Structure formats: structure tokens, C-alpha cells
Protein backbone atom coordinates (compact mmCIF):
# COMPACT_ATOMS: atom_id res chain seq x y z
CA MET A 1 -18.89 4.91 -27.43
CA LYS A 2 -18.18 4.26 -23.72
CA LYS A 3 -15.06 2.26 -24.62
CA TYR A 4 -13.86 5.11 -26.82
CA ILE A 5 -14.32 7.69 -24.04
CA SER A 6 -12.67 5.46 -21.43
CA LYS A 7 -9.66 4.96 -23.72
CA ILE A 8 -9.32 8.72 -24.17
CA ILE A 9 -9.53 9.28 -20.41
CA MET A 10 -6.89 6.59 -19.84
CA MET A 11 -4.56 8.16 -22.43
CA ILE A 12 -4.95 11.58 -20.80
CA ALA A 13 -4.18 10.13 -17.36
CA VAL A 14 -1.03 8.43 -18.69
CA ALA A 15 0.10 11.64 -20.40
CA ILE A 16 -0.38 13.64 -17.19
CA SER A 17 1.56 11.11 -15.13
CA PHE A 18 4.49 11.18 -17.59
CA SER A 19 4.58 14.98 -17.56
CA ALA A 20 4.65 14.95 -13.74
CA VAL A 21 7.58 12.51 -13.71
CA ALA A 22 9.50 14.50 -16.33
CA ASN A 23 9.32 17.63 -14.16
CA ALA A 24 10.18 15.92 -10.85
CA GLN A 25 12.74 18.34 -9.43
CA LEU A 26 12.72 19.31 -5.80
CA ARG A 27 12.10 23.05 -5.62
CA VAL A 28 12.34 25.26 -2.55
CA ARG A 29 11.06 28.81 -2.13
CA ILE A 30 14.00 29.89 0.03
CA ARG A 31 17.34 28.27 -0.72
CA PRO A 32 19.19 26.80 2.26
CA GLU A 33 21.98 28.79 3.83
CA VAL A 34 25.51 28.05 2.66
CA ASN A 35 27.49 26.20 5.28
CA VAL A 36 30.88 27.68 6.08
CA GLN A 37 33.50 24.96 5.82
CA VAL A 38 37.19 25.19 6.57
CA ARG A 39 39.05 23.85 3.55
CA PRO A 40 42.00 21.67 4.60
CA ALA A 41 45.39 22.08 2.93
CA GLN A 42 45.71 20.80 -0.63
CA PRO A 43 47.28 17.30 -0.50
CA SER A 44 49.16 17.77 -3.81
CA PRO A 45 49.09 19.96 -6.93
CA ARG A 46 47.09 17.22 -8.70
CA HIS A 47 44.15 17.59 -6.29
CA VAL A 48 41.09 19.74 -7.04
CA TRP A 49 38.61 21.02 -4.46
CA VAL A 50 35.13 19.56 -4.96
CA GLY A 51 32.77 21.96 -3.20
CA GLY A 52 29.90 20.93 -0.95
CA GLU A 53 26.73 19.56 -2.53
CA TRP A 54 23.05 19.68 -1.65
CA ASN A 55 21.39 16.27 -2.17
CA SER A 56 17.61 15.87 -2.25
CA ASP A 57 16.36 13.20 0.10
CA GLY A 58 12.73 12.61 1.00
CA GLY A 59 11.47 16.05 0.00
CA ARG A 60 14.29 18.07 1.58
CA TYR A 61 17.89 18.97 0.87
CA ASN A 62 20.82 17.59 2.89
CA TYR A 63 24.29 19.13 2.70
CA LYS A 64 27.37 17.02 1.95
CA GLU A 65 30.66 18.75 2.72
CA GLY A 66 33.36 19.33 0.11
CA TYR A 67 36.56 17.33 -0.29
CA TRP A 68 39.81 17.13 -2.24
CA SER A 69 39.80 14.82 -5.27
CA GLU A 70 42.66 13.88 -7.56
CA ARG A 71 42.36 15.00 -11.16
CA SER A 72 42.22 12.44 -13.93
CA GLU A 73 43.62 12.81 -17.42
CA ARG A 74 40.09 12.94 -18.81
CA HIS A 75 38.59 15.27 -16.18
CA ASN A 76 40.87 17.96 -14.86
CA ARG A 77 38.46 20.75 -13.94
CA TYR A 78 35.45 20.79 -11.60
CA ALA A 79 32.46 23.11 -12.13
CA GLU A 80 30.92 23.94 -8.75
CA GLY A 81 27.25 23.23 -8.09
CA HIS A 82 24.88 26.18 -7.71
CA TRP A 83 21.30 27.18 -6.98
CA ASN A 84 19.25 27.97 -10.08
CA HIS A 85 16.40 30.43 -9.52
CA SER A 86 13.11 30.36 -11.42
CA ARG A 87 9.62 31.74 -10.86
CA ARG A 88 8.66 28.52 -9.07
CA GLY A 89 11.60 28.51 -6.65
CA TYR A 90 15.19 27.34 -6.38
CA VAL A 91 16.61 24.07 -7.72
CA TRP A 92 20.09 22.73 -6.92
CA VAL A 93 22.24 22.07 -10.01
CA PRO A 94 24.95 19.58 -8.99
CA GLY A 95 28.62 20.19 -9.73
CA ARG A 96 30.34 18.14 -12.41
CA TRP A 97 33.73 17.27 -13.84
CA ARG A 98 34.76 18.80 -17.16
């Protein structure tokens, strides 16, 4: 009986740890202020502006400034990153190529 109960407790602990890992997004109650960045001139018509990104690092967000990137045949449009609001706070959704 003790072995049976200890196995159940172990299975519950494993299930809880997996659910914690699956929901491991860094959330903040107040989203960081948007940095004002001067956008340099477009190098060529083939370049697309990739806006600044917030990267999570050690429990906090760090801002990486935007830059010009050349389009590829496969990816020619960039969707900007944004803050997604929920009841539990804000989460940064990174930008991506489409």
C-alpha cells in the first residue's frame, strides 16, 4: 500500500513540474516603456525595418534596438512584436517573418 501511495505522489509531482515548465513565460504587471529610436534611412527598397524586441533574460526584459534587414524571396514581410495583455500580466510576443 505504501508503494502504491508513493507512486501516486511521484506521478503527481512529475505532472505538476511539467505543467510549470509548459507555462514558463515571463510575465510583468506593468509593461516596460517603449524606447524612442531614430530610424536610419532605408539602405535600399529591398530592406524591411525590423522593430525593436524585448528579450527575457534572468527574470527581466532587455530591449534590443531595431535594424534594417534585407527581404528574402521566402520571407518578404515582417510582423512587429507586441505586448499581449492577460489577467496575469503582460507577455512579449516576438516579431516574426511572414
